[in-house]
Amino acid sequence: MKESCYLVVWWVCQTPQVALFDHLEAAKAAANVRNALMVTVTGTAVEIDEVVDWYRRNDEGDPLPAEWRDGLGQPRVPWGPQLNPRPSARPVAAPKG
């Protein structure tokens, strides 16, 4: 059985926010309380390149990126030079046994 990860997408004041979960029950709980979308991702070396909001746009008309959150809905704190860093790529583990 392949392991999956779960992308949860929700909106706060017309701003999309996203979080990536390793555990199904945690993802379901987060999606439930936020009336969110939950996307199940299964495979090896799967990456989420971007999540953009076509409703919110910059001055040039390009969609703005969603705000990445942790599993509790808290914003990711920018420790590096990027204001809102993307989560690092991680392979989904192969079946054991």
PDB file of N, CA and C in Angstrom:
ATOM      1  N   MET A   1       0.840  -1.189   0.000  1.00  0.00           N
ATOM      2  CA  MET A   1       0.000   0.000   0.000  1.00  0.00           C
ATOM      3  C   MET A   1       0.878   1.244   0.000  1.00  0.00           C
ATOM      4  N   LYS A   2       0.631   2.157  -0.900  1.00  0.00           N
ATOM      5  CA  LYS A   2       1.389   3.406  -0.959  1.00  0.00           C
ATOM      6  C   LYS A   2       0.891   4.364   0.109  1.00  0.00           C
ATOM      7  N   GLU A   3       1.835   5.086   0.701  1.00  0.00           N
ATOM      8  CA  GLU A   3       1.439   6.103   1.660  1.00  0.00           C
ATOM      9  C   GLU A   3       1.043   7.367   0.908  1.00  0.00           C
ATOM     10  N   SER A   4       0.132   8.106   1.492  1.00  0.00           N
ATOM     11  CA  SER A   4      -0.366   9.327   0.863  1.00  0.00           C
ATOM     12  C   SER A   4      -0.098  10.515   1.763  1.00  0.00           C
ATOM     13  N   CYS A   5      -0.169  11.692   1.176  1.00  0.00           N
ATOM     14  CA  CYS A   5      -0.204  12.917   1.957  1.00  0.00           C
ATOM     15  C   CYS A   5      -1.459  13.664   1.512  1.00  0.00           C
ATOM     16  N   TYR A   6      -1.862  14.637   2.296  1.00  0.00           N
ATOM     17  CA  TYR A   6      -3.162  15.264   2.090  1.00  0.00           C
ATOM     18  C   TYR A   6      -3.010  16.775   2.073  1.00  0.00           C
ATOM     19  N   LEU A   7      -3.417  17.394   0.992  1.00  0.00           N
ATOM     20  CA  LEU A   7      -3.383  18.843   0.836  1.00  0.00           C
ATOM     21  C   LEU A   7      -4.767  19.368   1.193  1.00  0.00           C
ATOM     22  N   VAL A   8      -4.836  20.263   2.175  1.00  0.00           N
ATOM     23  CA  VAL A   8      -6.104  20.853   2.594  1.00  0.00           C
ATOM     24  C   VAL A   8      -6.083  22.327   2.186  1.00  0.00           C
ATOM     25  N   VAL A   9      -7.128  22.759   1.492  1.00  0.00           N
ATOM     26  CA  VAL A   9      -7.237  24.133   0.991  1.00  0.00           C
ATOM     27  C   VAL A   9      -8.509  24.750   1.562  1.00  0.00           C
ATOM     28  N   TRP A  10      -8.385  25.941   2.164  1.00  0.00           N
ATOM     29  CA  TRP A  10      -9.545  26.646   2.702  1.00  0.00           C
ATOM     30  C   TRP A  10      -9.364  28.137   2.506  1.00  0.00           C
ATOM     31  N   TRP A  11     -10.421  28.888   2.750  1.00  0.00           N
ATOM     32  CA  TRP A  11     -10.406  30.325   2.542  1.00  0.00           C
ATOM     33  C   TRP A  11     -10.739  31.053   3.838  1.00  0.00           C
ATOM     34  N   VAL A  12     -10.020  32.140   4.094  1.00  0.00           N
ATOM     35  CA  VAL A  12     -10.295  33.029   5.218  1.00  0.00           C
ATOM     36  C   VAL A  12     -10.319  34.439   4.635  1.00  0.00           C
ATOM     37  N   CYS A  13     -11.455  35.105   4.746  1.00  0.00           N
ATOM     38  CA  CYS A  13     -11.593  36.478   4.211  1.00  0.00           C
ATOM     39  C   CYS A  13     -11.143  36.547   2.757  1.00  0.00           C
ATOM     40  N   GLN A  14     -11.587  35.613   1.955  1.00  0.00           N
ATOM     41  CA  GLN A  14     -11.308  35.531   0.524  1.00  0.00           C
ATOM     42  C   GLN A  14      -9.831  35.307   0.211  1.00  0.00           C
ATOM     43  N   THR A  15      -9.056  34.830   1.186  1.00  0.00           N
ATOM     44  CA  THR A  15      -7.649  34.508   0.974  1.00  0.00           C
ATOM     45  C   THR A  15      -7.483  32.999   1.109  1.00  0.00           C
ATOM     46  N   PRO A  16      -6.992  32.320   0.051  1.00  0.00           N
ATOM     47  CA  PRO A  16      -6.820  30.872   0.167  1.00  0.00           C
ATOM     48  C   PRO A  16      -5.635  30.552   1.063  1.00  0.00           C
ATOM     49  N   GLN A  17      -5.774  29.507   1.845  1.00  0.00           N
ATOM     50  CA  GLN A  17      -4.707  29.035   2.706  1.00  0.00           C
ATOM     51  C   GLN A  17      -4.613  27.533   2.532  1.00  0.00           C
ATOM     52  N   VAL A  18      -3.403  27.002   2.640  1.00  0.00           N
ATOM     53  CA  VAL A  18      -3.189  25.576   2.396  1.00  0.00           C
ATOM     54  C   VAL A  18      -2.299  24.983   3.479  1.00  0.00           C
ATOM     55  N   ALA A  19      -2.478  23.704   3.727  1.00  0.00           N
ATOM     56  CA  ALA A  19      -1.612  22.958   4.643  1.00  0.00           C
ATOM     57  C   ALA A  19      -1.454  21.545   4.099  1.00  0.00           C
ATOM     58  N   LEU A  20      -0.295  20.959   4.345  1.00  0.00           N
ATOM     59  CA  LEU A  20       0.001  19.604   3.892  1.00  0.00           C
ATOM     60  C   LEU A  20       0.099  18.695   5.118  1.00  0.00           C
ATOM     61  N   PHE A  21      -0.644  17.579   5.100  1.00  0.00           N
ATOM     62  CA  PHE A  21      -0.713  16.658   6.231  1.00  0.00           C
ATOM     63  C   PHE A  21      -0.182  15.292   5.826  1.00  0.00           C
ATOM     64  N   ASP A  22       0.428  14.596   6.784  1.00  0.00           N
ATOM     65  CA  ASP A  22       0.854  13.215   6.570  1.00  0.00           C
ATOM     66  C   ASP A  22      -0.201  12.221   7.042  1.00  0.00           C
ATOM     67  N   HIS A  23      -1.067  12.625   7.944  1.00  0.00           N
ATOM     68  CA  HIS A  23      -2.048  11.719   8.552  1.00  0.00           C
ATOM     69  C   HIS A  23      -3.461  12.061   8.082  1.00  0.00           C
ATOM     70  N   LEU A  24      -4.180  11.034   7.632  1.00  0.00           N
ATOM     71  CA  LEU A  24      -5.518  11.205   7.086  1.00  0.00           C
ATOM     72  C   LEU A  24      -6.479  11.807   8.104  1.00  0.00           C
ATOM     73  N   GLU A  25      -6.471  11.293   9.322  1.00  0.00           N
ATOM     74  CA  GLU A  25      -7.430  11.789  10.317  1.00  0.00           C
ATOM     75  C   GLU A  25      -7.201  13.257  10.646  1.00  0.00           C
ATOM     76  N   ALA A  26      -5.950  13.682  10.720  1.00  0.00           N
ATOM     77  CA  ALA A  26      -5.647  15.092  10.973  1.00  0.00           C
ATOM     78  C   ALA A  26      -6.117  15.956   9.805  1.00  0.00           C
ATOM     79  N   ALA A  27      -5.916  15.474   8.584  1.00  0.00           N
ATOM     80  CA  ALA A  27      -6.367  16.216   7.406  1.00  0.00           C
ATOM     81  C   ALA A  27      -7.887  16.323   7.376  1.00  0.00           C
ATOM     82  N   LYS A  28      -8.574  15.210   7.683  1.00  0.00           N
ATOM     83  CA  LYS A  28     -10.039  15.235   7.710  1.00  0.00           C
ATOM     84  C   LYS A  28     -10.552  16.217   8.760  1.00  0.00           C
ATOM     85  N   ALA A  29      -9.928  16.217   9.932  1.00  0.00           N
ATOM     86  CA  ALA A  29     -10.356  17.125  10.995  1.00  0.00           C
ATOM     87  C   ALA A  29     -10.150  18.579  10.582  1.00  0.00           C
ATOM     88  N   ALA A  30      -9.003  18.880   9.994  1.00  0.00           N
ATOM     89  CA  ALA A  30      -8.730  20.251   9.551  1.00  0.00           C
ATOM     90  C   ALA A  30      -9.697  20.673   8.453  1.00  0.00           C
ATOM     91  N   ALA A  31      -9.961  19.789   7.512  1.00  0.00           N
ATOM     92  CA  ALA A  31     -10.880  20.107   6.422  1.00  0.00           C
ATOM     93  C   ALA A  31     -12.308  20.288   6.944  1.00  0.00           C
ATOM     94  N   ASN A  32     -12.696  19.481   7.917  1.00  0.00           N
ATOM     95  CA  ASN A  32     -14.047  19.537   8.452  1.00  0.00           C
ATOM     96  C   ASN A  32     -14.335  20.869   9.143  1.00  0.00           C
ATOM     97  N   VAL A  33     -13.438  21.320  10.005  1.00  0.00           N
ATOM     98  CA  VAL A  33     -13.704  22.555  10.754  1.00  0.00           C
ATOM     99  C   VAL A  33     -13.577  23.802   9.888  1.00  0.00           C
ATOM    100  N   ARG A  34     -12.944  23.666   8.735  1.00  0.00           N
ATOM    101  CA  ARG A  34     -12.745  24.826   7.862  1.00  0.00           C
ATOM    102  C   ARG A  34     -13.620  24.782   6.604  1.00  0.00           C
ATOM    103  N   ASN A  35     -14.441  23.761   6.449  1.00  0.00           N
ATOM    104  CA  ASN A  35     -15.206  23.571   5.207  1.00  0.00           C
ATOM    105  C   ASN A  35     -14.269  23.657   4.009  1.00  0.00           C
ATOM    106  N   ALA A  36     -13.233  22.881   4.069  1.00  0.00           N
ATOM    107  CA  ALA A  36     -12.133  22.979   3.105  1.00  0.00           C
ATOM    108  C   ALA A  36     -12.214  21.901   2.032  1.00  0.00           C
ATOM    109  N   LEU A  37     -11.340  22.031   1.063  1.00  0.00           N
ATOM    110  CA  LEU A  37     -11.101  20.992   0.075  1.00  0.00           C
ATOM    111  C   LEU A  37      -9.950  20.146   0.576  1.00  0.00           C
ATOM    112  N   MET A  38     -10.011  18.838   0.380  1.00  0.00           N
ATOM    113  CA  MET A  38      -8.901  17.958   0.734  1.00  0.00           C
ATOM    114  C   MET A  38      -8.500  17.192  -0.514  1.00  0.00           C
ATOM    115  N   VAL A  39      -7.224  17.275  -0.865  1.00  0.00           N
ATOM    116  CA  VAL A  39      -6.686  16.592  -2.039  1.00  0.00           C
ATOM    117  C   VAL A  39      -5.741  15.509  -1.545  1.00  0.00           C
ATOM    118  N   THR A  40      -5.978  14.259  -1.946  1.00  0.00           N
ATOM    119  CA  THR A  40      -5.110  13.151  -1.575  1.00  0.00           C
ATOM    120  C   THR A  40      -4.052  12.991  -2.659  1.00  0.00           C
ATOM    121  N   VAL A  41      -2.781  12.972  -2.250  1.00  0.00           N
ATOM    122  CA  VAL A  41      -1.654  12.841  -3.183  1.00  0.00           C
ATOM    123  C   VAL A  41      -0.930  11.543  -2.849  1.00  0.00           C
ATOM    124  N   THR A  42      -0.816  10.661  -3.849  1.00  0.00           N
ATOM    125  CA  THR A  42      -0.154   9.384  -3.657  1.00  0.00           C
ATOM    126  C   THR A  42       0.842   9.177  -4.781  1.00  0.00           C
ATOM    127  N   GLY A  43       2.006   8.690  -4.452  1.00  0.00           N
ATOM    128  CA  GLY A  43       3.017   8.424  -5.461  1.00  0.00           C
ATOM    129  C   GLY A  43       4.397   8.647  -4.882  1.00  0.00           C
ATOM    130  N   THR A  44       5.403   8.508  -5.724  1.00  0.00           N
ATOM    131  CA  THR A  44       6.767   8.726  -5.264  1.00  0.00           C
ATOM    132  C   THR A  44       7.288  10.026  -5.858  1.00  0.00           C
ATOM    133  N   ALA A  45       8.013  10.771  -5.046  1.00  0.00           N
ATOM    134  CA  ALA A  45       8.623  12.038  -5.457  1.00  0.00           C
ATOM    135  C   ALA A  45       7.586  13.004  -6.033  1.00  0.00           C
ATOM    136  N   VAL A  46       6.417  13.040  -5.430  1.00  0.00           N
ATOM    137  CA  VAL A  46       5.358  13.946  -5.873  1.00  0.00           C
ATOM    138  C   VAL A  46       5.634  15.330  -5.305  1.00  0.00           C
ATOM    139  N   GLU A  47       5.490  16.358  -6.120  1.00  0.00           N
ATOM    140  CA  GLU A  47       5.673  17.722  -5.668  1.00  0.00           C
ATOM    141  C   GLU A  47       4.424  18.538  -5.985  1.00  0.00           C
ATOM    142  N   ILE A  48       4.106  19.481  -5.124  1.00  0.00           N
ATOM    143  CA  ILE A  48       3.053  20.456  -5.385  1.00  0.00           C
ATOM    144  C   ILE A  48       3.773  21.726  -5.778  1.00  0.00           C
ATOM    145  N   ASP A  49       3.701  22.082  -7.035  1.00  0.00           N
ATOM    146  CA  ASP A  49       4.476  23.204  -7.536  1.00  0.00           C
ATOM    147  C   ASP A  49       3.972  24.538  -7.027  1.00  0.00           C
ATOM    148  N   GLU A  50       2.669  24.718  -7.038  1.00  0.00           N
ATOM    149  CA  GLU A  50       2.126  25.970  -6.550  1.00  0.00           C
ATOM    150  C   GLU A  50       0.628  25.841  -6.334  1.00  0.00           C
ATOM    151  N   VAL A  51       0.113  26.730  -5.488  1.00  0.00           N
ATOM    152  CA  VAL A  51      -1.323  26.872  -5.288  1.00  0.00           C
ATOM    153  C   VAL A  51      -1.589  28.366  -5.425  1.00  0.00           C
ATOM    154  N   VAL A  52      -2.363  28.742  -6.436  1.00  0.00           N
ATOM    155  CA  VAL A  52      -2.609  30.162  -6.685  1.00  0.00           C
ATOM    156  C   VAL A  52      -4.102  30.471  -6.628  1.00  0.00           C
ATOM    157  N   ASP A  53      -4.396  31.711  -6.347  1.00  0.00           N
ATOM    158  CA  ASP A  53      -5.766  32.191  -6.188  1.00  0.00           C
ATOM    159  C   ASP A  53      -6.119  33.071  -7.377  1.00  0.00           C
ATOM    160  N   TRP A  54      -6.985  32.573  -8.236  1.00  0.00           N
ATOM    161  CA  TRP A  54      -7.353  33.327  -9.433  1.00  0.00           C
ATOM    162  C   TRP A  54      -8.344  34.441  -9.123  1.00  0.00           C
ATOM    163  N   TYR A  55      -8.860  34.483  -7.906  1.00  0.00           N
ATOM    164  CA  TYR A  55      -9.742  35.583  -7.510  1.00  0.00           C
ATOM    165  C   TYR A  55      -8.917  36.810  -7.107  1.00  0.00           C
ATOM    166  N   ARG A  56      -7.854  36.571  -6.322  1.00  0.00           N
ATOM    167  CA  ARG A  56      -6.974  37.672  -5.905  1.00  0.00           C
ATOM    168  C   ARG A  56      -5.869  37.820  -6.938  1.00  0.00           C
ATOM    169  N   ARG A  57      -5.628  39.035  -7.382  1.00  0.00           N
ATOM    170  CA  ARG A  57      -4.618  39.279  -8.421  1.00  0.00           C
ATOM    171  C   ARG A  57      -3.718  40.438  -8.032  1.00  0.00           C
ATOM    172  N   ASN A  58      -2.496  40.445  -8.579  1.00  0.00           N
ATOM    173  CA  ASN A  58      -1.602  41.574  -8.365  1.00  0.00           C
ATOM    174  C   ASN A  58      -1.913  42.665  -9.389  1.00  0.00           C
ATOM    175  N   ASP A  59      -1.141  43.742  -9.368  1.00  0.00           N
ATOM    176  CA  ASP A  59      -1.405  44.874 -10.269  1.00  0.00           C
ATOM    177  C   ASP A  59      -1.269  44.503 -11.741  1.00  0.00           C
ATOM    178  N   GLU A  60      -0.483  43.468 -12.044  1.00  0.00           N
ATOM    179  CA  GLU A  60      -0.308  43.036 -13.436  1.00  0.00           C
ATOM    180  C   GLU A  60      -1.393  42.051 -13.870  1.00  0.00           C
ATOM    181  N   GLY A  61      -2.257  41.650 -12.943  1.00  0.00           N
ATOM    182  CA  GLY A  61      -3.336  40.720 -13.265  1.00  0.00           C
ATOM    183  C   GLY A  61      -2.997  39.262 -13.042  1.00  0.00           C
ATOM    184  N   ASP A  62      -1.811  38.979 -12.501  1.00  0.00           N
ATOM    185  CA  ASP A  62      -1.408  37.606 -12.226  1.00  0.00           C
ATOM    186  C   ASP A  62      -2.031  37.129 -10.916  1.00  0.00           C
ATOM    187  N   PRO A  63      -2.403  35.840 -10.833  1.00  0.00           N
ATOM    188  CA  PRO A  63      -2.982  35.330  -9.583  1.00  0.00           C
ATOM    189  C   PRO A  63      -1.951  35.348  -8.461  1.00  0.00           C
ATOM    190  N   LEU A  64      -2.425  35.580  -7.240  1.00  0.00           N
ATOM    191  CA  LEU A  64      -1.553  35.606  -6.068  1.00  0.00           C
ATOM    192  C   LEU A  64      -1.438  34.207  -5.471  1.00  0.00           C
ATOM    193  N   PRO A  65      -0.309  33.898  -4.841  1.00  0.00           N
ATOM    194  CA  PRO A  65      -0.165  32.573  -4.230  1.00  0.00           C
ATOM    195  C   PRO A  65      -1.008  32.432  -2.972  1.00  0.00           C
ATOM    196  N   ALA A  66      -1.450  31.208  -2.728  1.00  0.00           N
ATOM    197  CA  ALA A  66      -2.142  30.911  -1.466  1.00  0.00           C
ATOM    198  C   ALA A  66      -1.134  31.011  -0.335  1.00  0.00           C
ATOM    199  N   GLU A  67      -1.601  31.245   0.868  1.00  0.00           N
ATOM    200  CA  GLU A  67      -0.729  31.341   2.030  1.00  0.00           C
ATOM    201  C   GLU A  67      -0.555  29.953   2.629  1.00  0.00           C
ATOM    202  N   TRP A  68       0.690  29.469   2.695  1.00  0.00           N
ATOM    203  CA  TRP A  68       0.963  28.156   3.273  1.00  0.00           C
ATOM    204  C   TRP A  68       0.829  28.235   4.778  1.00  0.00           C
ATOM    205  N   ARG A  69       0.169  27.251   5.366  1.00  0.00           N
ATOM    206  CA  ARG A  69      -0.063  27.178   6.805  1.00  0.00           C
ATOM    207  C   ARG A  69       0.464  25.853   7.328  1.00  0.00           C
ATOM    208  N   ASP A  70       0.652  25.778   8.652  1.00  0.00           N
ATOM    209  CA  ASP A  70       0.999  24.488   9.232  1.00  0.00           C
ATOM    210  C   ASP A  70      -0.293  23.720   9.502  1.00  0.00           C
ATOM    211  N   GLY A  71      -0.190  22.538  10.075  1.00  0.00           N
ATOM    212  CA  GLY A  71      -1.362  21.693  10.289  1.00  0.00           C
ATOM    213  C   GLY A  71      -2.398  22.276  11.220  1.00  0.00           C
ATOM    214  N   LEU A  72      -2.026  23.221  12.069  1.00  0.00           N
ATOM    215  CA  LEU A  72      -2.970  23.849  12.986  1.00  0.00           C
ATOM    216  C   LEU A  72      -3.572  25.123  12.412  1.00  0.00           C
ATOM    217  N   GLY A  73      -3.199  25.473  11.174  1.00  0.00           N
ATOM    218  CA  GLY A  73      -3.737  26.665  10.546  1.00  0.00           C
ATOM    219  C   GLY A  73      -2.918  27.907  10.817  1.00  0.00           C
ATOM    220  N   GLN A  74      -1.787  27.754  11.497  1.00  0.00           N
ATOM    221  CA  GLN A  74      -0.940  28.914  11.791  1.00  0.00           C
ATOM    222  C   GLN A  74      -0.056  29.217  10.590  1.00  0.00           C
ATOM    223  N   PRO A  75       0.207  30.510  10.327  1.00  0.00           N
ATOM    224  CA  PRO A  75       1.068  30.839   9.186  1.00  0.00           C
ATOM    225  C   PRO A  75       2.470  30.300   9.386  1.00  0.00           C
ATOM    226  N   ARG A  76       3.106  29.963   8.282  1.00  0.00           N
ATOM    227  CA  ARG A  76       4.517  29.558   8.346  1.00  0.00           C
ATOM    228  C   ARG A  76       5.340  30.793   8.631  1.00  0.00           C
ATOM    229  N   VAL A  77       6.212  30.695   9.590  1.00  0.00           N
ATOM    230  CA  VAL A  77       7.054  31.841   9.955  1.00  0.00           C
ATOM    231  C   VAL A  77       8.222  31.910   8.995  1.00  0.00           C
ATOM    232  N   PRO A  78       8.434  33.071   8.381  1.00  0.00           N
ATOM    233  CA  PRO A  78       9.516  33.195   7.385  1.00  0.00           C
ATOM    234  C   PRO A  78      10.880  33.327   8.063  1.00  0.00           C
ATOM    235  N   TRP A  79      11.603  32.208   8.239  1.00  0.00           N
ATOM    236  CA  TRP A  79      12.931  32.261   8.847  1.00  0.00           C
ATOM    237  C   TRP A  79      13.991  32.566   7.814  1.00  0.00           C
ATOM    238  N   GLY A  80      13.706  32.322   6.567  1.00  0.00           N
ATOM    239  CA  GLY A  80      14.689  32.556   5.516  1.00  0.00           C
ATOM    240  C   GLY A  80      14.391  33.831   4.758  1.00  0.00           C
ATOM    241  N   PRO A  81      15.043  34.003   3.613  1.00  0.00           N
ATOM    242  CA  PRO A  81      14.851  35.221   2.830  1.00  0.00           C
ATOM    243  C   PRO A  81      13.492  35.311   2.145  1.00  0.00           C
ATOM    244  N   GLN A  82      12.801  34.167   1.965  1.00  0.00           N
ATOM    245  CA  GLN A  82      11.495  34.195   1.313  1.00  0.00           C
ATOM    246  C   GLN A  82      10.425  34.611   2.314  1.00  0.00           C
ATOM    247  N   LEU A  83       9.465  35.401   1.855  1.00  0.00           N
ATOM    248  CA  LEU A  83       8.389  35.846   2.731  1.00  0.00           C
ATOM    249  C   LEU A  83       7.443  34.710   3.091  1.00  0.00           C
ATOM    250  N   ASN A  84       7.099  33.875   2.138  1.00  0.00           N
ATOM    251  CA  ASN A  84       6.157  32.784   2.375  1.00  0.00           C
ATOM    252  C   ASN A  84       6.692  31.527   1.694  1.00  0.00           C
ATOM    253  N   PRO A  85       7.679  30.840   2.326  1.00  0.00           N
ATOM    254  CA  PRO A  85       8.337  29.726   1.655  1.00  0.00           C
ATOM    255  C   PRO A  85       7.415  28.551   1.412  1.00  0.00           C
ATOM    256  N   ARG A  86       7.641  27.872   0.300  1.00  0.00           N
ATOM    257  CA  ARG A  86       6.900  26.651  -0.011  1.00  0.00           C
ATOM    258  C   ARG A  86       7.451  25.524   0.827  1.00  0.00           C
ATOM    259  N   PRO A  87       6.652  24.498   1.090  1.00  0.00           N
ATOM    260  CA  PRO A  87       7.195  23.349   1.802  1.00  0.00           C
ATOM    261  C   PRO A  87       8.195  22.633   0.908  1.00  0.00           C
ATOM    262  N   SER A  88       9.192  22.016   1.510  1.00  0.00           N
ATOM    263  CA  SER A  88      10.201  21.321   0.723  1.00  0.00           C
ATOM    264  C   SER A  88       9.600  20.061   0.108  1.00  0.00           C
ATOM    265  N   ALA A  89      10.164  19.666  -1.021  1.00  0.00           N
ATOM    266  CA  ALA A  89       9.708  18.455  -1.699  1.00  0.00           C
ATOM    267  C   ALA A  89      10.077  17.257  -0.853  1.00  0.00           C
ATOM    268  N   ARG A  90       9.195  16.294  -0.791  1.00  0.00           N
ATOM    269  CA  ARG A  90       9.481  15.084  -0.040  1.00  0.00           C
ATOM    270  C   ARG A  90       8.827  13.916  -0.747  1.00  0.00           C
ATOM    271  N   PRO A  91       9.566  12.825  -0.897  1.00  0.00           N
ATOM    272  CA  PRO A  91       8.963  11.663  -1.555  1.00  0.00           C
ATOM    273  C   PRO A  91       7.969  10.981  -0.629  1.00  0.00           C
ATOM    274  N   VAL A  92       6.939  10.410  -1.218  1.00  0.00           N
ATOM    275  CA  VAL A  92       5.993   9.609  -0.454  1.00  0.00           C
ATOM    276  C   VAL A  92       6.630   8.245  -0.298  1.00  0.00           C
ATOM    277  N   ALA A  93       6.670   7.725   0.912  1.00  0.00           N
ATOM    278  CA  ALA A  93       7.369   6.478   1.205  1.00  0.00           C
ATOM    279  C   ALA A  93       6.807   5.304   0.418  1.00  0.00           C
ATOM    280  N   ALA A  94       7.697   4.404   0.054  1.00  0.00           N
ATOM    281  CA  ALA A  94       7.299   3.183  -0.657  1.00  0.00           C
ATOM    282  C   ALA A  94       6.674   2.207   0.346  1.00  0.00           C
ATOM    283  N   PRO A  95       5.890   1.272  -0.129  1.00  0.00           N
ATOM    284  CA  PRO A  95       5.290   0.296   0.782  1.00  0.00           C
ATOM    285  C   PRO A  95       6.371  -0.477   1.550  1.00  0.00           C
ATOM    286  N   LYS A  96       6.068  -0.793   2.785  1.00  0.00           N
ATOM    287  CA  LYS A  96       7.007  -1.562   3.602  1.00  0.00           C
ATOM    288  C   LYS A  96       6.593  -3.014   3.623  1.00  0.00           C
ATOM    289  N   GLY A  97       7.586  -3.856   3.590  1.00  0.00           N
ATOM    290  CA  GLY A  97       7.284  -5.270   3.748  1.00  0.00           C
ATOM    291  C   GLY A  97       7.343  -6.074   2.526  1.00  0.00           C
TER     292      GLY A  97
END
